[in-house]
Amino acid sequence: MPPIPTLKTPRLILRPMRVTDWTAYQRLMVSDRSIYMGGPFSTAVAWGMFCADHAQWSLFGCGALMIEDTTNGKCLGQVGINSGPL
């Protein structure tokens, strides 16, 4: 399997998920802000989604990347990179 890519710009880094991203991810997914993503979700469902987002890289060669602010290292969100329907 090729490595999960890291993409850098002067302001942002799109990088592989880390377990330390879970807290911010969980906070988003259980909140009303996730309504446009199909949420809000329970913590258990959010954990399953977090793990599935990461596992897609090894299964399909695409998946989620976390968005990190280069100025402070804060995780700002997530973007999905996919190849469309199987």
PDB file of N, CA and C in Angstrom:
ATOM      1  N   MET A   1       0.837  -1.173   0.000  1.00  0.00           N
ATOM      2  CA  MET A   1       0.000   0.000   0.000  1.00  0.00           C
ATOM      3  C   MET A   1       0.890   1.248   0.000  1.00  0.00           C
ATOM      4  N   PRO A   2       0.617   2.211  -0.872  1.00  0.00           N
ATOM      5  CA  PRO A   2       1.378   3.455  -0.844  1.00  0.00           C
ATOM      6  C   PRO A   2       1.089   4.218   0.452  1.00  0.00           C
ATOM      7  N   PRO A   3       2.017   5.066   0.871  1.00  0.00           N
ATOM      8  CA  PRO A   3       1.789   5.822   2.112  1.00  0.00           C
ATOM      9  C   PRO A   3       0.638   6.815   1.953  1.00  0.00           C
ATOM     10  N   ILE A   4      -0.013   7.117   3.058  1.00  0.00           N
ATOM     11  CA  ILE A   4      -1.059   8.134   3.059  1.00  0.00           C
ATOM     12  C   ILE A   4      -0.375   9.479   2.805  1.00  0.00           C
ATOM     13  N   PRO A   5      -0.885  10.249   1.854  1.00  0.00           N
ATOM     14  CA  PRO A   5      -0.187  11.493   1.508  1.00  0.00           C
ATOM     15  C   PRO A   5      -0.319  12.584   2.563  1.00  0.00           C
ATOM     16  N   THR A   6       0.632  13.482   2.559  1.00  0.00           N
ATOM     17  CA  THR A   6       0.585  14.729   3.319  1.00  0.00           C
ATOM     18  C   THR A   6       0.761  15.850   2.311  1.00  0.00           C
ATOM     19  N   LEU A   7      -0.175  16.788   2.303  1.00  0.00           N
ATOM     20  CA  LEU A   7      -0.147  17.918   1.376  1.00  0.00           C
ATOM     21  C   LEU A   7       0.022  19.191   2.182  1.00  0.00           C
ATOM     22  N   LYS A   8       0.968  20.035   1.777  1.00  0.00           N
ATOM     23  CA  LYS A   8       1.272  21.240   2.552  1.00  0.00           C
ATOM     24  C   LYS A   8       1.084  22.495   1.711  1.00  0.00           C
ATOM     25  N   THR A   9       0.512  23.515   2.335  1.00  0.00           N
ATOM     26  CA  THR A   9       0.446  24.859   1.772  1.00  0.00           C
ATOM     27  C   THR A   9       1.021  25.780   2.843  1.00  0.00           C
ATOM     28  N   PRO A  10       1.207  27.048   2.540  1.00  0.00           N
ATOM     29  CA  PRO A  10       1.720  27.950   3.583  1.00  0.00           C
ATOM     30  C   PRO A  10       0.810  28.027   4.825  1.00  0.00           C
ATOM     31  N   ARG A  11      -0.493  27.848   4.661  1.00  0.00           N
ATOM     32  CA  ARG A  11      -1.426  27.986   5.786  1.00  0.00           C
ATOM     33  C   ARG A  11      -1.913  26.665   6.374  1.00  0.00           C
ATOM     34  N   LEU A  12      -1.972  25.614   5.547  1.00  0.00           N
ATOM     35  CA  LEU A  12      -2.605  24.367   5.981  1.00  0.00           C
ATOM     36  C   LEU A  12      -1.755  23.152   5.640  1.00  0.00           C
ATOM     37  N   ILE A  13      -1.961  22.108   6.431  1.00  0.00           N
ATOM     38  CA  ILE A  13      -1.399  20.791   6.135  1.00  0.00           C
ATOM     39  C   ILE A  13      -2.567  19.814   6.103  1.00  0.00           C
ATOM     40  N   LEU A  14      -2.690  19.071   5.020  1.00  0.00           N
ATOM     41  CA  LEU A  14      -3.630  17.957   4.944  1.00  0.00           C
ATOM     42  C   LEU A  14      -2.802  16.721   5.230  1.00  0.00           C
ATOM     43  N   ARG A  15      -3.141  16.016   6.303  1.00  0.00           N
ATOM     44  CA  ARG A  15      -2.269  14.937   6.776  1.00  0.00           C
ATOM     45  C   ARG A  15      -3.077  13.734   7.223  1.00  0.00           C
ATOM     46  N   PRO A  16      -2.396  12.591   7.372  1.00  0.00           N
ATOM     47  CA  PRO A  16      -3.078  11.402   7.884  1.00  0.00           C
ATOM     48  C   PRO A  16      -3.667  11.649   9.275  1.00  0.00           C
ATOM     49  N   MET A  17      -4.727  10.925   9.560  1.00  0.00           N
ATOM     50  CA  MET A  17      -5.372  11.007  10.870  1.00  0.00           C
ATOM     51  C   MET A  17      -4.449  10.465  11.954  1.00  0.00           C
ATOM     52  N   ARG A  18      -4.581  11.030  13.149  1.00  0.00           N
ATOM     53  CA  ARG A  18      -3.871  10.553  14.338  1.00  0.00           C
ATOM     54  C   ARG A  18      -4.906  10.289  15.425  1.00  0.00           C
ATOM     55  N   VAL A  19      -4.600   9.394  16.329  1.00  0.00           N
ATOM     56  CA  VAL A  19      -5.530   9.122  17.422  1.00  0.00           C
ATOM     57  C   VAL A  19      -5.759  10.386  18.258  1.00  0.00           C
ATOM     58  N   THR A  20      -4.788  11.280  18.280  1.00  0.00           N
ATOM     59  CA  THR A  20      -4.959  12.527  19.029  1.00  0.00           C
ATOM     60  C   THR A  20      -5.983  13.460  18.376  1.00  0.00           C
ATOM     61  N   ASP A  21      -6.390  13.180  17.144  1.00  0.00           N
ATOM     62  CA  ASP A  21      -7.443  13.958  16.482  1.00  0.00           C
ATOM     63  C   ASP A  21      -8.837  13.564  16.972  1.00  0.00           C
ATOM     64  N   TRP A  22      -8.934  12.443  17.670  1.00  0.00           N
ATOM     65  CA  TRP A  22     -10.231  11.921  18.082  1.00  0.00           C
ATOM     66  C   TRP A  22     -11.042  12.937  18.899  1.00  0.00           C
ATOM     67  N   THR A  23     -10.448  13.613  19.824  1.00  0.00           N
ATOM     68  CA  THR A  23     -11.197  14.526  20.698  1.00  0.00           C
ATOM     69  C   THR A  23     -11.910  15.606  19.884  1.00  0.00           C
ATOM     70  N   ALA A  24     -11.205  16.247  18.964  1.00  0.00           N
ATOM     71  CA  ALA A  24     -11.820  17.291  18.131  1.00  0.00           C
ATOM     72  C   ALA A  24     -12.870  16.689  17.196  1.00  0.00           C
ATOM     73  N   TYR A  25     -12.578  15.530  16.637  1.00  0.00           N
ATOM     74  CA  TYR A  25     -13.514  14.844  15.736  1.00  0.00           C
ATOM     75  C   TYR A  25     -14.792  14.494  16.483  1.00  0.00           C
ATOM     76  N   GLN A  26     -14.645  13.910  17.653  1.00  0.00           N
ATOM     77  CA  GLN A  26     -15.808  13.510  18.455  1.00  0.00           C
ATOM     78  C   GLN A  26     -16.645  14.724  18.836  1.00  0.00           C
ATOM     79  N   ARG A  27     -15.982  15.789  19.233  1.00  0.00           N
ATOM     80  CA  ARG A  27     -16.684  17.015  19.623  1.00  0.00           C
ATOM     81  C   ARG A  27     -17.538  17.541  18.459  1.00  0.00           C
ATOM     82  N   LEU A  28     -16.987  17.516  17.253  1.00  0.00           N
ATOM     83  CA  LEU A  28     -17.742  17.950  16.076  1.00  0.00           C
ATOM     84  C   LEU A  28     -18.907  17.014  15.777  1.00  0.00           C
ATOM     85  N   MET A  29     -18.641  15.725  15.749  1.00  0.00           N
ATOM     86  CA  MET A  29     -19.643  14.768  15.277  1.00  0.00           C
ATOM     87  C   MET A  29     -20.840  14.607  16.208  1.00  0.00           C
ATOM     88  N   VAL A  30     -20.691  14.903  17.488  1.00  0.00           N
ATOM     89  CA  VAL A  30     -21.838  14.821  18.402  1.00  0.00           C
ATOM     90  C   VAL A  30     -22.583  16.155  18.485  1.00  0.00           C
ATOM     91  N   SER A  31     -22.040  17.193  17.855  1.00  0.00           N
ATOM     92  CA  SER A  31     -22.646  18.525  17.941  1.00  0.00           C
ATOM     93  C   SER A  31     -23.627  18.772  16.793  1.00  0.00           C
ATOM     94  N   ASP A  32     -24.422  19.814  16.944  1.00  0.00           N
ATOM     95  CA  ASP A  32     -25.355  20.217  15.888  1.00  0.00           C
ATOM     96  C   ASP A  32     -24.624  20.676  14.628  1.00  0.00           C
ATOM     97  N   ARG A  33     -23.352  21.028  14.743  1.00  0.00           N
ATOM     98  CA  ARG A  33     -22.582  21.446  13.562  1.00  0.00           C
ATOM     99  C   ARG A  33     -22.428  20.313  12.556  1.00  0.00           C
ATOM    100  N   SER A  34     -22.651  19.071  12.966  1.00  0.00           N
ATOM    101  CA  SER A  34     -22.495  17.935  12.053  1.00  0.00           C
ATOM    102  C   SER A  34     -23.775  17.636  11.275  1.00  0.00           C
ATOM    103  N   ILE A  35     -24.785  18.476  11.395  1.00  0.00           N
ATOM    104  CA  ILE A  35     -26.069  18.221  10.731  1.00  0.00           C
ATOM    105  C   ILE A  35     -25.916  18.050   9.219  1.00  0.00           C
ATOM    106  N   TYR A  36     -24.997  18.777   8.599  1.00  0.00           N
ATOM    107  CA  TYR A  36     -24.800  18.664   7.153  1.00  0.00           C
ATOM    108  C   TYR A  36     -23.933  17.475   6.767  1.00  0.00           C
ATOM    109  N   MET A  37     -23.516  16.718   7.769  1.00  0.00           N
ATOM    110  CA  MET A  37     -22.742  15.493   7.550  1.00  0.00           C
ATOM    111  C   MET A  37     -23.574  14.268   7.942  1.00  0.00           C
ATOM    112  N   GLY A  38     -24.867  14.492   8.205  1.00  0.00           N
ATOM    113  CA  GLY A  38     -25.754  13.401   8.595  1.00  0.00           C
ATOM    114  C   GLY A  38     -25.938  13.268  10.090  1.00  0.00           C
ATOM    115  N   GLY A  39     -25.302  14.128  10.874  1.00  0.00           N
ATOM    116  CA  GLY A  39     -25.350  14.045  12.334  1.00  0.00           C
ATOM    117  C   GLY A  39     -26.460  14.874  12.918  1.00  0.00           C
ATOM    118  N   PRO A  40     -26.394  15.056  14.203  1.00  0.00           N
ATOM    119  CA  PRO A  40     -25.357  14.609  15.123  1.00  0.00           C
ATOM    120  C   PRO A  40     -25.381  13.096  15.355  1.00  0.00           C
ATOM    121  N   PHE A  41     -24.235  12.590  15.749  1.00  0.00           N
ATOM    122  CA  PHE A  41     -24.045  11.160  15.969  1.00  0.00           C
ATOM    123  C   PHE A  41     -23.737  10.893  17.435  1.00  0.00           C
ATOM    124  N   SER A  42     -23.983   9.671  17.862  1.00  0.00           N
ATOM    125  CA  SER A  42     -23.554   9.263  19.199  1.00  0.00           C
ATOM    126  C   SER A  42     -22.032   9.123  19.191  1.00  0.00           C
ATOM    127  N   THR A  43     -21.438   9.122  20.354  1.00  0.00           N
ATOM    128  CA  THR A  43     -19.989   8.937  20.450  1.00  0.00           C
ATOM    129  C   THR A  43     -19.574   7.594  19.855  1.00  0.00           C
ATOM    130  N   ALA A  44     -20.359   6.550  20.096  1.00  0.00           N
ATOM    131  CA  ALA A  44     -20.024   5.221  19.565  1.00  0.00           C
ATOM    132  C   ALA A  44     -20.041   5.212  18.044  1.00  0.00           C
ATOM    133  N   VAL A  45     -21.038   5.827  17.445  1.00  0.00           N
ATOM    134  CA  VAL A  45     -21.105   5.886  15.982  1.00  0.00           C
ATOM    135  C   VAL A  45     -19.970   6.745  15.437  1.00  0.00           C
ATOM    136  N   ALA A  46     -19.691   7.865  16.092  1.00  0.00           N
ATOM    137  CA  ALA A  46     -18.594   8.735  15.663  1.00  0.00           C
ATOM    138  C   ALA A  46     -17.263   7.989  15.704  1.00  0.00           C
ATOM    139  N   TRP A  47     -17.041   7.178  16.727  1.00  0.00           N
ATOM    140  CA  TRP A  47     -15.801   6.397  16.820  1.00  0.00           C
ATOM    141  C   TRP A  47     -15.700   5.424  15.642  1.00  0.00           C
ATOM    142  N   GLY A  48     -16.793   4.772  15.306  1.00  0.00           N
ATOM    143  CA  GLY A  48     -16.794   3.867  14.162  1.00  0.00           C
ATOM    144  C   GLY A  48     -16.475   4.589  12.863  1.00  0.00           C
ATOM    145  N   MET A  49     -17.015   5.793  12.710  1.00  0.00           N
ATOM    146  CA  MET A  49     -16.738   6.590  11.513  1.00  0.00           C
ATOM    147  C   MET A  49     -15.274   7.017  11.470  1.00  0.00           C
ATOM    148  N   PHE A  50     -14.737   7.409  12.612  1.00  0.00           N
ATOM    149  CA  PHE A  50     -13.335   7.818  12.707  1.00  0.00           C
ATOM    150  C   PHE A  50     -12.430   6.661  12.278  1.00  0.00           C
ATOM    151  N   CYS A  51     -12.697   5.481  12.797  1.00  0.00           N
ATOM    152  CA  CYS A  51     -11.888   4.306  12.457  1.00  0.00           C
ATOM    153  C   CYS A  51     -12.066   3.926  10.989  1.00  0.00           C
ATOM    154  N   ALA A  52     -13.289   3.999  10.484  1.00  0.00           N
ATOM    155  CA  ALA A  52     -13.547   3.668   9.081  1.00  0.00           C
ATOM    156  C   ALA A  52     -12.842   4.654   8.153  1.00  0.00           C
ATOM    157  N   ASP A  53     -12.857   5.942   8.519  1.00  0.00           N
ATOM    158  CA  ASP A  53     -12.174   6.946   7.695  1.00  0.00           C
ATOM    159  C   ASP A  53     -10.692   6.610   7.552  1.00  0.00           C
ATOM    160  N   HIS A  54     -10.086   6.162   8.618  1.00  0.00           N
ATOM    161  CA  HIS A  54      -8.670   5.801   8.571  1.00  0.00           C
ATOM    162  C   HIS A  54      -8.453   4.496   7.800  1.00  0.00           C
ATOM    163  N   ALA A  55      -9.297   3.524   8.036  1.00  0.00           N
ATOM    164  CA  ALA A  55      -9.138   2.205   7.411  1.00  0.00           C
ATOM    165  C   ALA A  55      -9.304   2.242   5.899  1.00  0.00           C
ATOM    166  N   GLN A  56     -10.022   3.211   5.388  1.00  0.00           N
ATOM    167  CA  GLN A  56     -10.243   3.280   3.942  1.00  0.00           C
ATOM    168  C   GLN A  56      -8.946   3.398   3.157  1.00  0.00           C
ATOM    169  N   TRP A  57      -7.926   4.010   3.764  1.00  0.00           N
ATOM    170  CA  TRP A  57      -6.649   4.128   3.053  1.00  0.00           C
ATOM    171  C   TRP A  57      -6.069   2.758   2.731  1.00  0.00           C
ATOM    172  N   SER A  58      -6.086   1.853   3.698  1.00  0.00           N
ATOM    173  CA  SER A  58      -5.507   0.528   3.432  1.00  0.00           C
ATOM    174  C   SER A  58      -6.435  -0.339   2.585  1.00  0.00           C
ATOM    175  N   LEU A  59      -7.730  -0.097   2.671  1.00  0.00           N
ATOM    176  CA  LEU A  59      -8.684  -0.908   1.903  1.00  0.00           C
ATOM    177  C   LEU A  59      -8.863  -0.427   0.469  1.00  0.00           C
ATOM    178  N   PHE A  60      -8.891   0.888   0.267  1.00  0.00           N
ATOM    179  CA  PHE A  60      -9.239   1.438  -1.042  1.00  0.00           C
ATOM    180  C   PHE A  60      -8.201   2.401  -1.628  1.00  0.00           C
ATOM    181  N   GLY A  61      -7.177   2.759  -0.847  1.00  0.00           N
ATOM    182  CA  GLY A  61      -6.173   3.695  -1.332  1.00  0.00           C
ATOM    183  C   GLY A  61      -6.626   5.146  -1.332  1.00  0.00           C
ATOM    184  N   CYS A  62      -7.695   5.427  -0.604  1.00  0.00           N
ATOM    185  CA  CYS A  62      -8.189   6.797  -0.455  1.00  0.00           C
ATOM    186  C   CYS A  62      -8.894   6.867   0.893  1.00  0.00           C
ATOM    187  N   GLY A  63      -9.184   8.081   1.347  1.00  0.00           N
ATOM    188  CA  GLY A  63      -9.848   8.223   2.639  1.00  0.00           C
ATOM    189  C   GLY A  63      -9.782   9.647   3.136  1.00  0.00           C
ATOM    190  N   ALA A  64      -9.830   9.806   4.430  1.00  0.00           N
ATOM    191  CA  ALA A  64      -9.877  11.132   5.040  1.00  0.00           C
ATOM    192  C   ALA A  64      -8.478  11.642   5.363  1.00  0.00           C
ATOM    193  N   LEU A  65      -8.334  12.951   5.262  1.00  0.00           N
ATOM    194  CA  LEU A  65      -7.132  13.646   5.714  1.00  0.00           C
ATOM    195  C   LEU A  65      -7.576  14.724   6.687  1.00  0.00           C
ATOM    196  N   MET A  66      -6.788  14.928   7.713  1.00  0.00           N
ATOM    197  CA  MET A  66      -7.086  15.973   8.675  1.00  0.00           C
ATOM    198  C   MET A  66      -6.498  17.284   8.177  1.00  0.00           C
ATOM    199  N   ILE A  67      -7.169  18.387   8.506  1.00  0.00           N
ATOM    200  CA  ILE A  67      -6.724  19.723   8.118  1.00  0.00           C
ATOM    201  C   ILE A  67      -6.098  20.375   9.346  1.00  0.00           C
ATOM    202  N   GLU A  68      -4.827  20.705   9.232  1.00  0.00           N
ATOM    203  CA  GLU A  68      -4.088  21.277  10.359  1.00  0.00           C
ATOM    204  C   GLU A  68      -3.609  22.689  10.017  1.00  0.00           C
ATOM    205  N   ASP A  69      -3.741  23.591  10.958  1.00  0.00           N
ATOM    206  CA  ASP A  69      -3.260  24.965  10.819  1.00  0.00           C
ATOM    207  C   ASP A  69      -1.747  24.969  11.027  1.00  0.00           C
ATOM    208  N   THR A  70      -1.009  25.490  10.057  1.00  0.00           N
ATOM    209  CA  THR A  70       0.456  25.473  10.171  1.00  0.00           C
ATOM    210  C   THR A  70       0.972  26.432  11.237  1.00  0.00           C
ATOM    211  N   THR A  71       0.201  27.444  11.600  1.00  0.00           N
ATOM    212  CA  THR A  71       0.688  28.422  12.574  1.00  0.00           C
ATOM    213  C   THR A  71       0.651  27.920  14.002  1.00  0.00           C
ATOM    214  N   ASN A  72      -0.333  27.033  14.312  1.00  0.00           N
ATOM    215  CA  ASN A  72      -0.446  26.587  15.702  1.00  0.00           C
ATOM    216  C   ASN A  72      -0.595  25.075  15.868  1.00  0.00           C
ATOM    217  N   GLY A  73      -0.639  24.335  14.765  1.00  0.00           N
ATOM    218  CA  GLY A  73      -0.763  22.882  14.839  1.00  0.00           C
ATOM    219  C   GLY A  73      -2.148  22.387  15.186  1.00  0.00           C
ATOM    220  N   LYS A  74      -3.129  23.281  15.270  1.00  0.00           N
ATOM    221  CA  LYS A  74      -4.491  22.907  15.652  1.00  0.00           C
ATOM    222  C   LYS A  74      -5.189  22.180  14.502  1.00  0.00           C
ATOM    223  N   CYS A  75      -5.897  21.103  14.845  1.00  0.00           N
ATOM    224  CA  CYS A  75      -6.688  20.362  13.872  1.00  0.00           C
ATOM    225  C   CYS A  75      -7.981  21.150  13.623  1.00  0.00           C
ATOM    226  N   LEU A  76      -8.194  21.559  12.372  1.00  0.00           N
ATOM    227  CA  LEU A  76      -9.337  22.388  12.018  1.00  0.00           C
ATOM    228  C   LEU A  76     -10.513  21.609  11.459  1.00  0.00           C
ATOM    229  N   GLY A  77     -10.268  20.407  10.993  1.00  0.00           N
ATOM    230  CA  GLY A  77     -11.350  19.624  10.399  1.00  0.00           C
ATOM    231  C   GLY A  77     -10.804  18.478   9.583  1.00  0.00           C
ATOM    232  N   GLN A  78     -11.639  18.039   8.646  1.00  0.00           N
ATOM    233  CA  GLN A  78     -11.310  16.859   7.871  1.00  0.00           C
ATOM    234  C   GLN A  78     -11.819  17.040   6.447  1.00  0.00           C
ATOM    235  N   VAL A  79     -11.129  16.441   5.501  1.00  0.00           N
ATOM    236  CA  VAL A  79     -11.573  16.415   4.113  1.00  0.00           C
ATOM    237  C   VAL A  79     -11.472  14.976   3.636  1.00  0.00           C
ATOM    238  N   GLY A  80     -12.450  14.547   2.857  1.00  0.00           N
ATOM    239  CA  GLY A  80     -12.440  13.192   2.321  1.00  0.00           C
ATOM    240  C   GLY A  80     -11.891  13.162   0.902  1.00  0.00           C
ATOM    241  N   ILE A  81     -10.960  12.277   0.661  1.00  0.00           N
ATOM    242  CA  ILE A  81     -10.415  12.051  -0.681  1.00  0.00           C
ATOM    243  C   ILE A  81     -10.879  10.667  -1.086  1.00  0.00           C
ATOM    244  N   ASN A  82     -11.738  10.593  -2.105  1.00  0.00           N
ATOM    245  CA  ASN A  82     -12.231   9.268  -2.486  1.00  0.00           C
ATOM    246  C   ASN A  82     -12.257   9.117  -3.989  1.00  0.00           C
ATOM    247  N   SER A  83     -12.481   7.901  -4.406  1.00  0.00           N
ATOM    248  CA  SER A  83     -12.487   7.591  -5.831  1.00  0.00           C
ATOM    249  C   SER A  83     -13.899   7.404  -6.363  1.00  0.00           C
ATOM    250  N   GLY A  84     -14.905   7.756  -5.575  1.00  0.00           N
ATOM    251  CA  GLY A  84     -16.274   7.607  -6.024  1.00  0.00           C
ATOM    252  C   GLY A  84     -16.831   6.233  -5.714  1.00  0.00           C
ATOM    253  N   PRO A  85     -17.992   5.916  -6.272  1.00  0.00           N
ATOM    254  CA  PRO A  85     -18.622   4.624  -5.987  1.00  0.00           C
ATOM    255  C   PRO A  85     -17.749   3.450  -6.415  1.00  0.00           C
ATOM    256  N   LEU A  86     -17.845   2.389  -5.649  1.00  0.00           N
ATOM    257  CA  LEU A  86     -17.056   1.189  -5.982  1.00  0.00           C
ATOM    258  C   LEU A  86     -17.636   0.495  -7.188  1.00  0.00           C
TER     259      LEU A  86
END
